[in-house]
Amino acid sequence: LFDWDKANMRSKQFEFGAHSAYSDTTDLKIKAFDADAIALSTSNLNGKVDFDEQIGKFKANADFLTTVLPYNQYETSFNEFDWDMKDETVTFKSHAGKLGSFLSIHPDQDSLWFQGESAFYNLRTNLLKIGGVPHIVTSDAFVYPETGDVEIQPGGVMTNLENARIIAD
């Protein structure tokens, strides 16, 4: 277990540099701004943390990866991300033409699901911004955000969508 004030990595083997840590198979937990909570949790990553540059680069070892964002009560399928430790942000990467999925794990938001082209998580505000959202699936309705942008606040609260189109069965 490699643990520091902002996160911890768990692996059977680490390679340490003077100011870096690397593992080809690691589990990662990034702490929320409120250090008693976890902002991001995922496993089976290839990861390197450079403390001089204040950057962490992580990529899944499998095609499918679930990353849980417990503070925001969502999970995503994006399988690669960069963590800027200085700015306290996580930028999820997508491959051309491939959308990442987002599923609410809030007990009162059953079946709330959507996909997006990009995602950016601010660890200071715990605001998750998703771009390129074609539609949101909720129960038997489809919600089409006007701009394709969706914001998720702590506790699974979605910022109000203005001028969205709703198609229901």
N, C-alpha and C. Protein backbone atom coordinates (compact mmCIF):
# COMPACT_ATOMS: atom_id res chain seq x y z
N LEU A 1 0.86 -1.18 0.00
CA LEU A 1 0.00 0.00 0.00
C LEU A 1 0.89 1.23 0.00
N PHE A 2 0.70 2.07 -1.00
CA PHE A 2 1.40 3.34 -1.09
C PHE A 2 0.35 4.41 -0.82
N ASP A 3 0.45 5.06 0.34
CA ASP A 3 -0.58 5.97 0.81
C ASP A 3 0.02 7.36 1.06
N TRP A 4 -0.66 8.40 0.55
CA TRP A 4 -0.25 9.76 0.85
C TRP A 4 -1.49 10.60 1.03
N ASP A 5 -1.33 11.90 1.30
CA ASP A 5 -2.47 12.73 1.70
C ASP A 5 -3.57 12.83 0.66
N LYS A 6 -3.28 12.64 -0.63
CA LYS A 6 -4.29 12.82 -1.68
C LYS A 6 -4.87 11.51 -2.21
N ALA A 7 -4.19 10.39 -1.96
CA ALA A 7 -4.65 9.13 -2.57
C ALA A 7 -3.91 7.95 -1.96
N ASN A 8 -4.30 6.77 -2.44
CA ASN A 8 -3.50 5.59 -2.16
C ASN A 8 -3.57 4.64 -3.35
N MET A 9 -2.48 3.93 -3.54
CA MET A 9 -2.37 2.92 -4.58
C MET A 9 -2.03 1.60 -3.90
N ARG A 10 -2.65 0.54 -4.35
CA ARG A 10 -2.39 -0.78 -3.78
C ARG A 10 -1.94 -1.70 -4.92
N SER A 11 -0.81 -2.36 -4.70
CA SER A 11 -0.27 -3.25 -5.72
C SER A 11 0.62 -4.30 -5.06
N LYS A 12 0.86 -5.39 -5.77
CA LYS A 12 1.80 -6.39 -5.28
C LYS A 12 3.24 -5.93 -5.49
N GLN A 13 3.44 -5.00 -6.45
CA GLN A 13 4.79 -4.55 -6.74
C GLN A 13 4.79 -3.12 -7.27
N PHE A 14 5.66 -2.30 -6.72
CA PHE A 14 5.86 -0.93 -7.18
C PHE A 14 7.30 -0.74 -7.63
N GLU A 15 7.48 0.17 -8.57
CA GLU A 15 8.81 0.66 -8.92
C GLU A 15 8.83 2.11 -8.46
N PHE A 16 9.81 2.44 -7.62
CA PHE A 16 9.91 3.80 -7.11
C PHE A 16 11.11 4.51 -7.73
N GLY A 17 10.89 5.76 -8.12
CA GLY A 17 11.98 6.64 -8.53
C GLY A 17 12.20 7.62 -7.39
N ALA A 18 13.08 8.58 -7.60
CA ALA A 18 13.34 9.57 -6.56
C ALA A 18 12.07 10.34 -6.19
N HIS A 19 11.23 10.62 -7.20
CA HIS A 19 10.00 11.37 -6.97
C HIS A 19 8.84 10.81 -7.79
N SER A 20 8.80 9.49 -7.91
CA SER A 20 7.74 8.87 -8.71
C SER A 20 7.46 7.47 -8.19
N ALA A 21 6.30 6.97 -8.60
CA ALA A 21 5.91 5.59 -8.30
C ALA A 21 5.20 5.04 -9.53
N TYR A 22 5.46 3.78 -9.84
CA TYR A 22 4.86 3.13 -11.00
C TYR A 22 4.45 1.71 -10.62
N SER A 23 3.33 1.29 -11.17
CA SER A 23 2.92 -0.10 -11.06
C SER A 23 2.17 -0.50 -12.32
N ASP A 24 2.46 -1.71 -12.81
CA ASP A 24 1.74 -2.17 -14.01
C ASP A 24 0.36 -2.71 -13.67
N THR A 25 0.10 -2.97 -12.39
CA THR A 25 -1.22 -3.43 -11.94
C THR A 25 -1.48 -2.85 -10.56
N THR A 26 -2.33 -1.86 -10.50
CA THR A 26 -2.59 -1.20 -9.23
C THR A 26 -4.07 -0.86 -9.08
N ASP A 27 -4.49 -0.74 -7.85
CA ASP A 27 -5.82 -0.21 -7.52
C ASP A 27 -5.59 1.20 -7.01
N LEU A 28 -6.51 2.10 -7.30
CA LEU A 28 -6.33 3.52 -6.96
C LEU A 28 -7.56 4.05 -6.26
N LYS A 29 -7.32 4.83 -5.21
CA LYS A 29 -8.38 5.60 -4.54
C LYS A 29 -7.87 7.02 -4.36
N ILE A 30 -8.60 7.96 -4.97
CA ILE A 30 -8.26 9.38 -4.82
C ILE A 30 -9.22 9.96 -3.80
N LYS A 31 -8.67 10.67 -2.84
CA LYS A 31 -9.48 11.24 -1.78
C LYS A 31 -10.18 12.51 -2.26
N ALA A 32 -11.39 12.72 -1.74
CA ALA A 32 -12.15 13.93 -2.06
C ALA A 32 -11.54 15.09 -1.30
N PHE A 33 -11.97 16.31 -1.65
CA PHE A 33 -11.48 17.51 -0.97
C PHE A 33 -11.74 17.38 0.53
N ASP A 34 -12.89 16.81 0.87
CA ASP A 34 -13.17 16.42 2.25
C ASP A 34 -12.44 15.08 2.42
N ALA A 35 -11.26 15.09 3.01
CA ALA A 35 -10.37 13.94 3.01
C ALA A 35 -10.93 12.68 3.66
N ASP A 36 -12.08 12.78 4.32
CA ASP A 36 -12.69 11.59 4.90
C ASP A 36 -13.46 10.78 3.87
N ALA A 37 -13.65 11.31 2.68
CA ALA A 37 -14.43 10.65 1.64
C ALA A 37 -13.54 10.30 0.46
N ILE A 38 -14.00 9.35 -0.35
CA ILE A 38 -13.29 8.94 -1.55
C ILE A 38 -13.99 9.57 -2.76
N ALA A 39 -13.21 10.24 -3.62
CA ALA A 39 -13.76 10.86 -4.83
C ALA A 39 -13.77 9.89 -6.00
N LEU A 40 -12.74 9.03 -6.10
CA LEU A 40 -12.59 8.14 -7.23
C LEU A 40 -11.97 6.84 -6.75
N SER A 41 -12.53 5.73 -7.20
CA SER A 41 -12.01 4.41 -6.83
C SER A 41 -12.08 3.49 -8.04
N THR A 42 -10.96 2.83 -8.34
CA THR A 42 -10.94 1.91 -9.46
C THR A 42 -9.79 0.91 -9.28
N SER A 43 -9.78 -0.12 -10.10
CA SER A 43 -8.76 -1.16 -9.93
C SER A 43 -8.26 -1.66 -11.28
N ASN A 44 -7.18 -2.46 -11.21
CA ASN A 44 -6.55 -3.07 -12.37
C ASN A 44 -6.08 -2.04 -13.40
N LEU A 45 -5.29 -1.10 -12.91
CA LEU A 45 -4.75 -0.04 -13.76
C LEU A 45 -3.25 -0.19 -13.93
N ASN A 46 -2.75 0.32 -15.03
CA ASN A 46 -1.34 0.58 -15.20
C ASN A 46 -1.19 2.04 -14.83
N GLY A 47 -0.39 2.37 -13.81
CA GLY A 47 -0.35 3.74 -13.36
C GLY A 47 1.01 4.24 -12.96
N LYS A 48 1.23 5.52 -13.25
CA LYS A 48 2.47 6.19 -12.86
C LYS A 48 2.12 7.53 -12.26
N VAL A 49 2.74 7.82 -11.12
CA VAL A 49 2.57 9.10 -10.45
C VAL A 49 3.93 9.78 -10.41
N ASP A 50 3.97 11.01 -10.94
CA ASP A 50 5.20 11.81 -10.94
C ASP A 50 4.98 12.98 -9.98
N PHE A 51 5.67 12.96 -8.84
CA PHE A 51 5.46 13.99 -7.83
C PHE A 51 6.16 15.30 -8.16
N ASP A 52 7.19 15.29 -9.02
CA ASP A 52 7.79 16.54 -9.48
C ASP A 52 6.83 17.29 -10.39
N GLU A 53 6.26 16.56 -11.34
CA GLU A 53 5.31 17.16 -12.29
C GLU A 53 3.91 17.30 -11.71
N GLN A 54 3.64 16.58 -10.60
CA GLN A 54 2.31 16.56 -9.97
C GLN A 54 1.25 16.00 -10.91
N ILE A 55 1.61 14.94 -11.64
CA ILE A 55 0.72 14.31 -12.62
C ILE A 55 0.67 12.80 -12.37
N GLY A 56 -0.53 12.24 -12.46
CA GLY A 56 -0.71 10.80 -12.45
C GLY A 56 -1.36 10.38 -13.75
N LYS A 57 -0.84 9.35 -14.38
CA LYS A 57 -1.40 8.83 -15.63
C LYS A 57 -1.80 7.38 -15.39
N PHE A 58 -3.06 7.09 -15.73
CA PHE A 58 -3.60 5.77 -15.45
C PHE A 58 -4.36 5.25 -16.66
N LYS A 59 -4.19 3.95 -16.91
CA LYS A 59 -4.89 3.30 -18.02
C LYS A 59 -5.26 1.89 -17.58
N ALA A 60 -6.48 1.48 -17.94
CA ALA A 60 -6.97 0.16 -17.56
C ALA A 60 -6.17 -0.93 -18.25
N ASN A 61 -5.99 -2.04 -17.56
CA ASN A 61 -5.33 -3.20 -18.13
C ASN A 61 -6.29 -4.07 -18.93
N ALA A 62 -7.57 -3.79 -18.86
CA ALA A 62 -8.59 -4.54 -19.60
C ALA A 62 -9.41 -3.55 -20.44
N ASP A 63 -10.12 -4.07 -21.42
CA ASP A 63 -10.94 -3.20 -22.27
C ASP A 63 -12.06 -2.53 -21.50
N PHE A 64 -12.58 -3.24 -20.50
CA PHE A 64 -13.70 -2.69 -19.73
C PHE A 64 -13.23 -2.40 -18.32
N LEU A 65 -13.52 -1.20 -17.86
CA LEU A 65 -13.15 -0.78 -16.51
C LEU A 65 -14.30 0.02 -15.93
N THR A 66 -14.62 -0.24 -14.68
CA THR A 66 -15.61 0.58 -14.00
C THR A 66 -14.87 1.43 -12.97
N THR A 67 -15.03 2.72 -13.10
CA THR A 67 -14.47 3.66 -12.13
C THR A 67 -15.64 4.22 -11.35
N VAL A 68 -15.57 4.08 -10.03
CA VAL A 68 -16.65 4.56 -9.17
C VAL A 68 -16.28 5.93 -8.64
N LEU A 69 -17.25 6.83 -8.67
CA LEU A 69 -17.12 8.18 -8.12
C LEU A 69 -18.09 8.27 -6.95
N PRO A 70 -17.71 7.70 -5.79
CA PRO A 70 -18.66 7.56 -4.69
C PRO A 70 -19.18 8.88 -4.13
N TYR A 71 -18.38 9.92 -4.14
CA TYR A 71 -18.81 11.21 -3.61
C TYR A 71 -19.94 11.79 -4.45
N ASN A 72 -19.90 11.51 -5.76
CA ASN A 72 -20.94 11.98 -6.69
C ASN A 72 -21.98 10.91 -6.98
N GLN A 73 -21.78 9.72 -6.48
CA GLN A 73 -22.69 8.58 -6.63
C GLN A 73 -22.95 8.22 -8.10
N TYR A 74 -21.86 8.13 -8.84
CA TYR A 74 -21.90 7.69 -10.24
C TYR A 74 -20.75 6.73 -10.48
N GLU A 75 -20.88 5.96 -11.55
CA GLU A 75 -19.76 5.18 -12.03
C GLU A 75 -19.65 5.39 -13.53
N THR A 76 -18.42 5.25 -14.05
CA THR A 76 -18.18 5.48 -15.46
C THR A 76 -17.34 4.36 -16.05
N SER A 77 -17.43 4.21 -17.36
CA SER A 77 -16.67 3.17 -18.06
C SER A 77 -15.42 3.74 -18.72
N PHE A 78 -15.15 5.04 -18.60
CA PHE A 78 -13.91 5.58 -19.16
C PHE A 78 -12.75 4.79 -18.59
N ASN A 79 -11.82 4.34 -19.43
CA ASN A 79 -10.77 3.46 -18.94
C ASN A 79 -9.37 4.07 -18.98
N GLU A 80 -9.30 5.38 -19.14
CA GLU A 80 -8.01 6.05 -19.10
C GLU A 80 -8.23 7.47 -18.59
N PHE A 81 -7.32 7.93 -17.73
CA PHE A 81 -7.45 9.30 -17.22
C PHE A 81 -6.12 9.83 -16.72
N ASP A 82 -6.02 11.15 -16.72
CA ASP A 82 -4.88 11.87 -16.18
C ASP A 82 -5.34 12.63 -14.95
N TRP A 83 -4.52 12.59 -13.92
CA TRP A 83 -4.83 13.26 -12.66
C TRP A 83 -3.80 14.37 -12.45
N ASP A 84 -4.27 15.61 -12.45
CA ASP A 84 -3.42 16.77 -12.16
C ASP A 84 -3.53 17.02 -10.66
N MET A 85 -2.50 16.61 -9.93
CA MET A 85 -2.55 16.71 -8.48
C MET A 85 -2.46 18.15 -7.99
N LYS A 86 -1.77 19.01 -8.73
CA LYS A 86 -1.64 20.41 -8.33
C LYS A 86 -2.97 21.14 -8.47
N ASP A 87 -3.63 20.97 -9.63
CA ASP A 87 -4.92 21.63 -9.87
C ASP A 87 -6.08 20.84 -9.29
N GLU A 88 -5.81 19.62 -8.83
CA GLU A 88 -6.81 18.73 -8.26
C GLU A 88 -7.96 18.46 -9.23
N THR A 89 -7.58 17.99 -10.42
CA THR A 89 -8.56 17.64 -11.45
C THR A 89 -8.21 16.28 -12.06
N VAL A 90 -9.24 15.63 -12.59
CA VAL A 90 -9.08 14.38 -13.31
C VAL A 90 -9.73 14.56 -14.68
N THR A 91 -8.94 14.30 -15.73
CA THR A 91 -9.45 14.39 -17.10
C THR A 91 -9.52 12.98 -17.66
N PHE A 92 -10.74 12.54 -17.95
CA PHE A 92 -10.95 11.22 -18.53
C PHE A 92 -10.73 11.30 -20.03
N LYS A 93 -10.10 10.26 -20.58
CA LYS A 93 -9.79 10.23 -22.00
C LYS A 93 -10.69 9.22 -22.71
N SER A 94 -11.13 9.60 -23.88
CA SER A 94 -11.90 8.66 -24.69
C SER A 94 -11.19 8.47 -26.02
N HIS A 95 -11.42 7.36 -26.63
CA HIS A 95 -10.85 7.07 -27.93
C HIS A 95 -11.83 7.55 -29.00
N ALA A 96 -11.32 7.94 -30.13
CA ALA A 96 -12.15 8.49 -31.21
C ALA A 96 -13.34 7.60 -31.50
N GLY A 97 -14.51 8.21 -31.50
CA GLY A 97 -15.74 7.49 -31.82
C GLY A 97 -16.29 6.63 -30.71
N LYS A 98 -15.66 6.61 -29.55
CA LYS A 98 -16.13 5.77 -28.46
C LYS A 98 -16.59 6.65 -27.30
N LEU A 99 -17.81 6.40 -26.84
CA LEU A 99 -18.36 7.16 -25.73
C LEU A 99 -18.16 6.40 -24.42
N GLY A 100 -18.00 7.15 -23.35
CA GLY A 100 -17.96 6.56 -22.02
C GLY A 100 -19.37 6.57 -21.45
N SER A 101 -19.69 5.60 -20.63
CA SER A 101 -21.03 5.55 -20.04
C SER A 101 -20.97 6.03 -18.60
N PHE A 102 -22.10 6.55 -18.12
CA PHE A 102 -22.27 7.04 -16.75
C PHE A 102 -23.56 6.48 -16.21
N LEU A 103 -23.46 5.87 -15.04
CA LEU A 103 -24.62 5.25 -14.40
C LEU A 103 -24.71 5.78 -12.99
N SER A 104 -25.90 6.29 -12.62
CA SER A 104 -26.10 6.75 -11.25
C SER A 104 -26.19 5.54 -10.34
N ILE A 105 -25.49 5.62 -9.21
CA ILE A 105 -25.59 4.57 -8.20
C ILE A 105 -26.33 5.10 -6.97
N HIS A 106 -26.96 6.25 -7.13
CA HIS A 106 -27.79 6.83 -6.06
C HIS A 106 -29.05 5.97 -5.94
N PRO A 107 -29.42 5.57 -4.73
CA PRO A 107 -30.58 4.66 -4.58
C PRO A 107 -31.90 5.24 -5.08
N ASP A 108 -32.03 6.56 -5.15
CA ASP A 108 -33.28 7.18 -5.63
C ASP A 108 -33.25 7.50 -7.12
N GLN A 109 -32.19 7.10 -7.83
CA GLN A 109 -32.06 7.43 -9.25
C GLN A 109 -31.92 6.16 -10.10
N ASP A 110 -32.75 5.19 -9.80
CA ASP A 110 -32.72 3.92 -10.51
C ASP A 110 -32.87 4.14 -12.01
N SER A 111 -32.01 3.50 -12.78
CA SER A 111 -32.06 3.50 -14.25
C SER A 111 -31.62 4.81 -14.89
N LEU A 112 -31.00 5.72 -14.15
CA LEU A 112 -30.49 6.96 -14.75
C LEU A 112 -29.14 6.65 -15.37
N TRP A 113 -29.07 6.76 -16.69
CA TRP A 113 -27.90 6.33 -17.44
C TRP A 113 -27.72 7.22 -18.66
N PHE A 114 -26.47 7.50 -19.00
CA PHE A 114 -26.18 8.25 -20.23
C PHE A 114 -24.73 8.02 -20.64
N GLN A 115 -24.40 8.47 -21.84
CA GLN A 115 -23.05 8.37 -22.37
C GLN A 115 -22.53 9.76 -22.68
N GLY A 116 -21.20 9.89 -22.73
CA GLY A 116 -20.58 11.17 -23.06
C GLY A 116 -19.25 10.98 -23.75
N GLU A 117 -18.84 12.03 -24.47
CA GLU A 117 -17.57 12.00 -25.20
C GLU A 117 -16.39 12.35 -24.31
N SER A 118 -16.64 13.19 -23.30
CA SER A 118 -15.55 13.67 -22.45
C SER A 118 -16.04 13.81 -21.01
N ALA A 119 -15.09 13.80 -20.08
CA ALA A 119 -15.44 14.01 -18.69
C ALA A 119 -14.28 14.68 -17.97
N PHE A 120 -14.63 15.59 -17.08
CA PHE A 120 -13.65 16.36 -16.32
C PHE A 120 -14.16 16.46 -14.89
N TYR A 121 -13.32 16.05 -13.94
CA TYR A 121 -13.74 16.02 -12.54
C TYR A 121 -12.87 16.97 -11.73
N ASN A 122 -13.50 17.95 -11.09
CA ASN A 122 -12.80 18.90 -10.24
C ASN A 122 -12.87 18.38 -8.80
N LEU A 123 -11.74 17.98 -8.26
CA LEU A 123 -11.70 17.40 -6.92
C LEU A 123 -11.91 18.45 -5.82
N ARG A 124 -11.68 19.73 -6.13
CA ARG A 124 -11.90 20.79 -5.14
C ARG A 124 -13.39 21.05 -4.92
N THR A 125 -14.14 21.04 -6.01
CA THR A 125 -15.58 21.32 -5.92
C THR A 125 -16.41 20.05 -5.99
N ASN A 126 -15.76 18.94 -6.34
CA ASN A 126 -16.45 17.66 -6.57
C ASN A 126 -17.52 17.79 -7.65
N LEU A 127 -17.25 18.60 -8.64
CA LEU A 127 -18.15 18.76 -9.77
C LEU A 127 -17.64 17.94 -10.94
N LEU A 128 -18.49 17.06 -11.47
CA LEU A 128 -18.17 16.22 -12.60
C LEU A 128 -18.87 16.81 -13.82
N LYS A 129 -18.07 17.19 -14.83
CA LYS A 129 -18.62 17.77 -16.07
C LYS A 129 -18.45 16.77 -17.20
N ILE A 130 -19.55 16.45 -17.85
CA ILE A 130 -19.54 15.51 -18.96
C ILE A 130 -19.98 16.25 -20.21
N GLY A 131 -19.22 16.11 -21.28
CA GLY A 131 -19.54 16.77 -22.54
C GLY A 131 -19.89 15.75 -23.61
N GLY A 132 -20.59 16.22 -24.64
CA GLY A 132 -20.95 15.35 -25.76
C GLY A 132 -21.97 14.30 -25.40
N VAL A 133 -22.93 14.66 -24.55
CA VAL A 133 -23.99 13.73 -24.14
C VAL A 133 -25.10 13.79 -25.18
N PRO A 134 -25.33 12.70 -25.94
CA PRO A 134 -26.39 12.74 -26.95
C PRO A 134 -27.79 12.73 -26.31
N HIS A 135 -27.96 11.93 -25.25
CA HIS A 135 -29.24 11.87 -24.55
C HIS A 135 -29.04 11.18 -23.20
N ILE A 136 -30.01 11.35 -22.33
CA ILE A 136 -30.01 10.72 -21.02
C ILE A 136 -31.19 9.77 -20.96
N VAL A 137 -30.94 8.55 -20.53
CA VAL A 137 -32.01 7.56 -20.40
C VAL A 137 -32.44 7.53 -18.94
N THR A 138 -33.70 7.82 -18.71
CA THR A 138 -34.23 7.77 -17.35
C THR A 138 -35.61 7.14 -17.39
N SER A 139 -35.70 5.96 -16.83
CA SER A 139 -36.94 5.20 -16.82
C SER A 139 -37.41 4.98 -18.25
N ASP A 140 -38.57 5.53 -18.63
CA ASP A 140 -39.07 5.33 -20.01
C ASP A 140 -39.00 6.62 -20.82
N ALA A 141 -38.08 7.52 -20.46
CA ALA A 141 -37.95 8.78 -21.17
C ALA A 141 -36.51 8.99 -21.64
N PHE A 142 -36.39 9.74 -22.73
CA PHE A 142 -35.09 10.18 -23.22
C PHE A 142 -35.05 11.69 -23.07
N VAL A 143 -33.96 12.20 -22.47
CA VAL A 143 -33.78 13.64 -22.29
C VAL A 143 -32.60 14.05 -23.16
N TYR A 144 -32.82 15.04 -24.02
CA TYR A 144 -31.80 15.51 -24.93
C TYR A 144 -31.31 16.88 -24.46
N PRO A 145 -30.12 16.95 -23.82
CA PRO A 145 -29.61 18.24 -23.36
C PRO A 145 -29.32 19.16 -24.55
N GLU A 146 -29.70 20.41 -24.43
CA GLU A 146 -29.54 21.37 -25.53
C GLU A 146 -28.09 21.48 -25.98
N THR A 147 -27.16 21.59 -25.05
CA THR A 147 -25.75 21.79 -25.39
C THR A 147 -24.95 20.49 -25.39
N GLY A 148 -25.54 19.41 -24.90
CA GLY A 148 -24.81 18.15 -24.78
C GLY A 148 -23.94 18.08 -23.54
N ASP A 149 -24.06 19.10 -22.67
CA ASP A 149 -23.26 19.13 -21.45
C ASP A 149 -24.13 18.79 -20.25
N VAL A 150 -23.54 18.00 -19.33
CA VAL A 150 -24.22 17.59 -18.10
C VAL A 150 -23.24 17.78 -16.96
N GLU A 151 -23.75 18.28 -15.83
CA GLU A 151 -22.92 18.44 -14.64
C GLU A 151 -23.53 17.65 -13.48
N ILE A 152 -22.68 16.91 -12.79
CA ILE A 152 -23.10 16.13 -11.63
C ILE A 152 -22.40 16.68 -10.39
N GLN A 153 -23.20 17.08 -9.42
CA GLN A 153 -22.70 17.61 -8.16
C GLN A 153 -22.59 16.47 -7.14
N PRO A 154 -21.96 16.74 -5.99
CA PRO A 154 -21.90 15.71 -4.95
C PRO A 154 -23.29 15.19 -4.59
N GLY A 155 -23.36 13.92 -4.24
CA GLY A 155 -24.63 13.30 -3.87
C GLY A 155 -25.48 12.89 -5.06
N GLY A 156 -24.93 12.95 -6.27
CA GLY A 156 -25.68 12.52 -7.45
C GLY A 156 -26.63 13.57 -8.00
N VAL A 157 -26.51 14.81 -7.54
CA VAL A 157 -27.42 15.88 -7.99
C VAL A 157 -26.97 16.38 -9.36
N MET A 158 -27.86 16.28 -10.33
CA MET A 158 -27.59 16.78 -11.68
C MET A 158 -28.00 18.25 -11.74
N THR A 159 -27.10 19.09 -12.26
CA THR A 159 -27.42 20.50 -12.45
C THR A 159 -28.59 20.60 -13.43
N ASN A 160 -29.50 21.54 -13.16
CA ASN A 160 -30.68 21.70 -14.02
C ASN A 160 -30.28 21.86 -15.48
N LEU A 161 -31.00 21.18 -16.35
CA LEU A 161 -30.80 21.29 -17.79
C LEU A 161 -31.77 22.34 -18.32
N GLU A 162 -31.24 23.31 -19.04
CA GLU A 162 -32.07 24.35 -19.63
C GLU A 162 -32.37 24.00 -21.09
N ASN A 163 -33.60 24.21 -21.51
CA ASN A 163 -34.04 24.01 -22.90
C ASN A 163 -33.79 22.59 -23.42
N ALA A 164 -33.89 21.61 -22.53
CA ALA A 164 -33.73 20.22 -22.94
C ALA A 164 -35.03 19.72 -23.57
N ARG A 165 -34.88 18.74 -24.47
CA ARG A 165 -36.03 18.10 -25.09
C ARG A 165 -36.26 16.77 -24.41
N ILE A 166 -37.53 16.44 -24.13
CA ILE A 166 -37.86 15.18 -23.47
C ILE A 166 -38.81 14.38 -24.36
N ILE A 167 -38.48 13.13 -24.59
CA ILE A 167 -39.36 12.23 -25.34
C ILE A 167 -39.68 11.06 -24.41
N ALA A 168 -40.96 10.88 -24.14
CA ALA A 168 -41.39 9.82 -23.22
C ALA A 168 -42.35 8.89 -23.92
N ASP A 169 -42.37 7.65 -23.44
CA ASP A 169 -43.27 6.64 -24.00
C ASP A 169 -44.60 6.73 -23.26
